[in-house]
């Protein structure tokens, strides 16, 4: 569960088991000293390890912004772990392949995602 729990988590927890993780380097999580610790494969493993620590093999994955990019990668690399997925404010990674779809700021994000 997020610390402190997000209001939306409290609402959804009335009917569902809810866990909200801070991604590596954000919120209350540790901030790795070396940038190499921020690879996409490491972030994907973080999600899978969180899921396993909670005793689950599948989930409904809800993600926003940069977390959405990680969610897309989790679903692509480990479809067996994602029963459903909701992604807000983060297009599918293929959208970044079309130059007409992004601004110079988004070009920087694209470089980070590689």
N, C-alpha and C. Protein backbone atom coordinates (compact mmCIF):
# COMPACT_ATOMS: atom_id res chain seq x y z
N UNK A 1 0.85 -1.17 0.00
CA UNK A 1 0.00 0.00 0.00
C UNK A 1 0.89 1.23 0.00
N UNK A 2 0.46 2.24 -0.68
CA UNK A 2 1.20 3.49 -0.70
C UNK A 2 1.20 4.10 0.70
N UNK A 3 2.23 4.85 1.02
CA UNK A 3 2.33 5.48 2.33
C UNK A 3 2.40 6.98 2.12
N UNK A 4 1.46 7.79 2.47
CA UNK A 4 0.15 7.37 2.98
C UNK A 4 -0.72 6.87 1.83
N UNK A 5 -1.72 6.03 2.15
CA UNK A 5 -2.57 5.49 1.08
C UNK A 5 -3.26 6.61 0.30
N UNK A 6 -3.26 6.48 -1.01
CA UNK A 6 -3.95 7.45 -1.86
C UNK A 6 -5.45 7.31 -1.64
N UNK A 7 -6.21 8.42 -1.69
CA UNK A 7 -7.66 8.34 -1.49
C UNK A 7 -8.33 7.34 -2.43
N UNK A 8 -7.87 7.27 -3.68
CA UNK A 8 -8.47 6.31 -4.61
C UNK A 8 -8.23 4.88 -4.16
N UNK A 9 -7.09 4.61 -3.53
CA UNK A 9 -6.82 3.26 -3.02
C UNK A 9 -7.80 2.91 -1.91
N UNK A 10 -8.07 3.86 -1.05
CA UNK A 10 -9.02 3.61 0.04
C UNK A 10 -10.39 3.29 -0.51
N UNK A 11 -10.83 4.01 -1.52
CA UNK A 11 -12.14 3.77 -2.12
C UNK A 11 -12.20 2.40 -2.76
N UNK A 12 -11.21 2.07 -3.59
CA UNK A 12 -11.22 0.78 -4.27
C UNK A 12 -11.03 -0.38 -3.31
N UNK A 13 -10.35 -0.17 -2.18
CA UNK A 13 -10.09 -1.26 -1.25
C UNK A 13 -11.35 -1.75 -0.55
N UNK A 14 -12.45 -1.02 -0.70
CA UNK A 14 -13.71 -1.50 -0.13
C UNK A 14 -14.20 -2.75 -0.87
N UNK A 15 -13.83 -2.90 -2.14
CA UNK A 15 -14.27 -4.05 -2.93
C UNK A 15 -13.13 -4.90 -3.47
N UNK A 16 -11.91 -4.37 -3.50
CA UNK A 16 -10.78 -5.07 -4.11
C UNK A 16 -9.58 -5.05 -3.18
N UNK A 17 -8.68 -6.00 -3.38
CA UNK A 17 -7.38 -5.92 -2.71
C UNK A 17 -6.55 -4.93 -3.52
N UNK A 18 -6.06 -3.89 -2.88
CA UNK A 18 -5.37 -2.79 -3.57
C UNK A 18 -3.98 -2.61 -2.99
N UNK A 19 -3.01 -2.47 -3.87
CA UNK A 19 -1.65 -2.12 -3.46
C UNK A 19 -1.15 -1.05 -4.41
N UNK A 20 -0.51 -0.03 -3.88
CA UNK A 20 0.05 1.04 -4.71
C UNK A 20 1.53 1.16 -4.37
N UNK A 21 2.36 0.98 -5.37
CA UNK A 21 3.80 1.06 -5.12
C UNK A 21 4.36 2.36 -5.68
N UNK A 22 5.31 2.91 -4.97
CA UNK A 22 6.08 4.03 -5.50
C UNK A 22 7.16 3.42 -6.39
N UNK A 23 7.28 3.92 -7.59
CA UNK A 23 8.34 3.41 -8.47
C UNK A 23 9.70 3.81 -7.92
N UNK A 24 10.67 3.02 -8.28
CA UNK A 24 12.06 3.24 -7.89
C UNK A 24 12.44 4.71 -8.13
N UNK A 25 12.87 5.38 -7.06
CA UNK A 25 13.30 6.77 -7.18
C UNK A 25 12.20 7.81 -7.03
N UNK A 26 10.97 7.37 -6.78
CA UNK A 26 9.85 8.30 -6.64
C UNK A 26 9.18 8.12 -5.28
N UNK A 27 8.53 9.17 -4.81
CA UNK A 27 7.77 9.07 -3.56
C UNK A 27 8.63 8.62 -2.40
N UNK A 28 8.17 7.57 -1.72
CA UNK A 28 8.86 7.07 -0.53
C UNK A 28 9.86 5.96 -0.85
N UNK A 29 10.07 5.66 -2.13
CA UNK A 29 10.99 4.57 -2.48
C UNK A 29 12.45 5.04 -2.39
N UNK A 30 13.34 4.06 -2.37
CA UNK A 30 14.77 4.38 -2.38
C UNK A 30 15.14 5.01 -3.71
N UNK A 31 16.17 5.84 -3.67
CA UNK A 31 16.68 6.46 -4.88
C UNK A 31 18.07 5.87 -5.16
N UNK A 32 18.14 5.00 -6.14
CA UNK A 32 19.45 4.41 -6.45
C UNK A 32 20.48 5.47 -6.80
N UNK A 33 21.71 5.24 -6.38
CA UNK A 33 22.78 6.20 -6.63
C UNK A 33 23.26 6.15 -8.08
N UNK A 34 23.11 5.01 -8.71
CA UNK A 34 23.62 4.84 -10.07
C UNK A 34 22.47 4.81 -11.07
N UNK A 35 22.54 5.64 -12.10
CA UNK A 35 21.46 5.69 -13.11
C UNK A 35 21.19 4.34 -13.76
N UNK A 36 22.17 3.46 -13.79
CA UNK A 36 21.95 2.14 -14.40
C UNK A 36 20.87 1.35 -13.67
N UNK A 37 20.55 1.74 -12.45
CA UNK A 37 19.51 1.06 -11.68
C UNK A 37 18.11 1.46 -12.14
N UNK A 38 18.01 2.36 -13.08
CA UNK A 38 16.71 2.82 -13.57
C UNK A 38 16.36 2.23 -14.94
N UNK A 39 16.90 1.07 -15.27
CA UNK A 39 16.58 0.47 -16.56
C UNK A 39 15.14 0.00 -16.59
N UNK A 40 14.58 -0.08 -17.79
CA UNK A 40 13.21 -0.54 -17.93
C UNK A 40 13.07 -1.97 -17.41
N UNK A 41 14.05 -2.82 -17.71
CA UNK A 41 13.95 -4.21 -17.23
C UNK A 41 13.94 -4.26 -15.71
N UNK A 42 14.69 -3.38 -15.05
CA UNK A 42 14.69 -3.34 -13.59
C UNK A 42 13.34 -2.86 -13.07
N UNK A 43 12.76 -1.86 -13.71
CA UNK A 43 11.45 -1.35 -13.28
C UNK A 43 10.36 -2.41 -13.48
N UNK A 44 10.46 -3.16 -14.57
CA UNK A 44 9.51 -4.26 -14.81
C UNK A 44 9.66 -5.31 -13.71
N UNK A 45 10.90 -5.66 -13.38
CA UNK A 45 11.13 -6.64 -12.29
C UNK A 45 10.58 -6.13 -10.97
N UNK A 46 10.69 -4.84 -10.71
CA UNK A 46 10.14 -4.27 -9.48
C UNK A 46 8.65 -4.56 -9.38
N UNK A 47 7.93 -4.36 -10.48
CA UNK A 47 6.48 -4.62 -10.47
C UNK A 47 6.21 -6.09 -10.21
N UNK A 48 6.93 -6.97 -10.90
CA UNK A 48 6.72 -8.41 -10.73
C UNK A 48 7.08 -8.87 -9.32
N UNK A 49 8.14 -8.30 -8.76
CA UNK A 49 8.54 -8.65 -7.39
C UNK A 49 7.51 -8.18 -6.38
N UNK A 50 6.92 -7.02 -6.61
CA UNK A 50 5.87 -6.51 -5.73
C UNK A 50 4.66 -7.45 -5.79
N UNK A 51 4.29 -7.85 -6.98
CA UNK A 51 3.17 -8.77 -7.17
C UNK A 51 3.43 -10.09 -6.44
N UNK A 52 4.62 -10.63 -6.60
CA UNK A 52 4.98 -11.89 -5.93
C UNK A 52 5.00 -11.74 -4.42
N UNK A 53 5.52 -10.61 -3.93
CA UNK A 53 5.58 -10.38 -2.48
C UNK A 53 4.19 -10.34 -1.86
N UNK A 54 3.21 -9.94 -2.66
CA UNK A 54 1.82 -9.90 -2.19
C UNK A 54 1.13 -11.25 -2.34
N UNK A 55 1.85 -12.23 -2.89
CA UNK A 55 1.30 -13.57 -3.03
C UNK A 55 0.43 -13.77 -4.26
N UNK A 56 0.63 -12.96 -5.28
CA UNK A 56 -0.18 -13.05 -6.49
C UNK A 56 0.68 -13.35 -7.71
N UNK A 57 0.04 -13.92 -8.71
CA UNK A 57 0.72 -14.16 -9.98
C UNK A 57 0.12 -13.31 -11.10
N UNK A 58 -1.08 -12.76 -10.87
CA UNK A 58 -1.77 -11.92 -11.87
C UNK A 58 -2.39 -10.72 -11.17
N UNK A 59 -2.62 -9.68 -11.96
CA UNK A 59 -3.24 -8.49 -11.37
C UNK A 59 -3.94 -7.66 -12.44
N UNK A 60 -4.75 -6.73 -11.98
CA UNK A 60 -5.21 -5.63 -12.81
C UNK A 60 -4.22 -4.51 -12.55
N UNK A 61 -3.49 -4.15 -13.56
CA UNK A 61 -2.42 -3.17 -13.42
C UNK A 61 -2.95 -1.80 -13.84
N UNK A 62 -2.93 -0.85 -12.92
CA UNK A 62 -3.38 0.52 -13.19
C UNK A 62 -2.16 1.42 -13.07
N UNK A 63 -1.91 2.22 -14.11
CA UNK A 63 -0.70 3.03 -14.11
C UNK A 63 -0.96 4.39 -14.74
N UNK A 64 -0.11 5.35 -14.35
CA UNK A 64 -0.25 6.72 -14.84
C UNK A 64 1.11 7.28 -15.23
N UNK A 65 1.14 8.03 -16.32
CA UNK A 65 2.31 8.76 -16.77
C UNK A 65 3.50 7.82 -16.95
N UNK A 66 4.63 8.08 -16.31
CA UNK A 66 5.82 7.24 -16.47
C UNK A 66 5.53 5.81 -16.04
N UNK A 67 4.70 5.63 -15.03
CA UNK A 67 4.30 4.28 -14.62
C UNK A 67 3.56 3.56 -15.73
N UNK A 68 2.87 4.32 -16.57
CA UNK A 68 2.18 3.73 -17.72
C UNK A 68 3.15 3.09 -18.69
N UNK A 69 4.28 3.75 -18.92
CA UNK A 69 5.29 3.18 -19.81
C UNK A 69 5.81 1.86 -19.24
N UNK A 70 6.02 1.84 -17.93
CA UNK A 70 6.46 0.60 -17.29
C UNK A 70 5.38 -0.46 -17.43
N UNK A 71 4.13 -0.09 -17.22
CA UNK A 71 3.02 -1.04 -17.34
C UNK A 71 2.96 -1.65 -18.73
N UNK A 72 3.13 -0.83 -19.78
CA UNK A 72 3.13 -1.36 -21.14
C UNK A 72 4.22 -2.42 -21.29
N UNK A 73 5.38 -2.16 -20.72
CA UNK A 73 6.49 -3.12 -20.83
C UNK A 73 6.22 -4.38 -20.00
N UNK A 74 5.60 -4.23 -18.84
CA UNK A 74 5.24 -5.41 -18.04
C UNK A 74 4.29 -6.29 -18.85
N UNK A 75 3.27 -5.68 -19.42
CA UNK A 75 2.27 -6.44 -20.18
C UNK A 75 2.88 -7.12 -21.41
N UNK A 76 3.80 -6.45 -22.08
CA UNK A 76 4.42 -7.03 -23.27
C UNK A 76 5.35 -8.18 -22.93
N UNK A 77 6.14 -8.01 -21.87
CA UNK A 77 7.14 -9.02 -21.51
C UNK A 77 6.56 -10.16 -20.67
N UNK A 78 5.49 -9.87 -19.93
CA UNK A 78 4.92 -10.87 -19.01
C UNK A 78 3.40 -10.84 -19.07
N UNK A 79 2.81 -11.17 -20.21
CA UNK A 79 1.35 -11.09 -20.34
C UNK A 79 0.61 -11.98 -19.36
N UNK A 80 1.26 -13.03 -18.90
CA UNK A 80 0.63 -13.93 -17.93
C UNK A 80 0.41 -13.24 -16.58
N UNK A 81 1.10 -12.15 -16.31
CA UNK A 81 0.99 -11.45 -15.03
C UNK A 81 -0.09 -10.37 -15.04
N UNK A 82 -0.59 -10.02 -16.22
CA UNK A 82 -1.54 -8.90 -16.34
C UNK A 82 -2.89 -9.42 -16.82
N UNK A 83 -3.84 -9.43 -15.90
CA UNK A 83 -5.20 -9.85 -16.26
C UNK A 83 -5.92 -8.73 -17.01
N UNK A 84 -5.80 -7.52 -16.49
CA UNK A 84 -6.36 -6.31 -17.12
C UNK A 84 -5.37 -5.18 -16.89
N UNK A 85 -5.49 -4.15 -17.73
CA UNK A 85 -4.57 -3.03 -17.57
C UNK A 85 -5.30 -1.73 -17.90
N UNK A 86 -5.06 -0.72 -17.07
CA UNK A 86 -5.58 0.63 -17.29
C UNK A 86 -4.37 1.56 -17.28
N UNK A 87 -4.16 2.28 -18.37
CA UNK A 87 -3.03 3.20 -18.46
C UNK A 87 -3.56 4.59 -18.76
N UNK A 88 -3.18 5.54 -17.92
CA UNK A 88 -3.61 6.93 -18.07
C UNK A 88 -2.41 7.81 -18.42
N UNK A 89 -2.58 8.67 -19.40
CA UNK A 89 -1.57 9.68 -19.77
C UNK A 89 -0.23 9.07 -20.17
N UNK A 90 -0.28 7.93 -20.85
CA UNK A 90 0.94 7.32 -21.36
C UNK A 90 0.59 6.47 -22.57
N UNK A 91 0.91 6.94 -23.76
CA UNK A 91 0.56 6.16 -24.95
C UNK A 91 1.37 4.88 -25.06
N UNK A 92 0.90 3.99 -25.89
CA UNK A 92 1.65 2.76 -26.17
C UNK A 92 3.03 3.16 -26.70
N UNK A 93 4.08 2.41 -26.35
CA UNK A 93 5.43 2.77 -26.80
C UNK A 93 5.57 2.93 -28.31
N UNK A 94 4.78 2.23 -29.09
CA UNK A 94 4.87 2.37 -30.55
C UNK A 94 4.47 3.76 -31.02
N UNK A 95 3.69 4.47 -30.21
CA UNK A 95 3.29 5.83 -30.60
C UNK A 95 4.51 6.73 -30.75
N UNK A 96 5.57 6.44 -30.02
CA UNK A 96 6.77 7.26 -30.09
C UNK A 96 7.57 7.04 -31.37
N UNK A 97 7.20 6.02 -32.13
CA UNK A 97 7.90 5.77 -33.39
C UNK A 97 7.43 6.69 -34.51
N UNK A 98 6.28 7.33 -34.32
CA UNK A 98 5.73 8.24 -35.33
C UNK A 98 6.15 9.67 -34.98
N UNK A 99 7.06 10.27 -35.75
CA UNK A 99 7.55 11.62 -35.43
C UNK A 99 6.46 12.68 -35.36
N UNK A 100 5.36 12.46 -36.05
CA UNK A 100 4.27 13.44 -36.03
C UNK A 100 3.53 13.44 -34.70
N UNK A 101 3.78 12.45 -33.87
CA UNK A 101 3.02 12.30 -32.63
C UNK A 101 3.72 12.84 -31.39
N UNK A 102 4.91 13.40 -31.53
CA UNK A 102 5.57 13.87 -30.32
C UNK A 102 6.32 15.18 -30.51
N UNK A 103 6.48 15.88 -29.39
CA UNK A 103 7.16 17.17 -29.34
C UNK A 103 8.63 16.94 -28.96
N UNK A 104 9.47 17.96 -29.01
CA UNK A 104 10.86 17.79 -28.56
C UNK A 104 10.97 17.28 -27.12
N UNK A 105 10.08 17.72 -26.23
CA UNK A 105 10.12 17.22 -24.85
C UNK A 105 9.84 15.73 -24.82
N UNK A 106 8.91 15.28 -25.65
CA UNK A 106 8.61 13.86 -25.69
C UNK A 106 9.76 13.07 -26.30
N UNK A 107 10.55 13.71 -27.17
CA UNK A 107 11.72 13.05 -27.73
C UNK A 107 12.69 12.68 -26.61
N UNK A 108 12.83 13.54 -25.63
CA UNK A 108 13.68 13.25 -24.48
C UNK A 108 13.15 12.04 -23.74
N UNK A 109 11.84 11.99 -23.52
CA UNK A 109 11.25 10.83 -22.84
C UNK A 109 11.50 9.55 -23.64
N UNK A 110 11.40 9.65 -24.96
CA UNK A 110 11.62 8.48 -25.80
C UNK A 110 13.04 7.97 -25.60
N UNK A 111 14.00 8.86 -25.52
CA UNK A 111 15.39 8.46 -25.32
C UNK A 111 15.56 7.77 -23.98
N UNK A 112 14.86 8.22 -22.96
CA UNK A 112 14.94 7.63 -21.63
C UNK A 112 14.35 6.22 -21.63
N UNK A 113 13.33 6.00 -22.43
CA UNK A 113 12.63 4.71 -22.45
C UNK A 113 13.43 3.61 -23.12
N UNK A 114 14.46 3.95 -23.82
CA UNK A 114 15.23 2.91 -24.54
C UNK A 114 16.13 2.16 -23.64
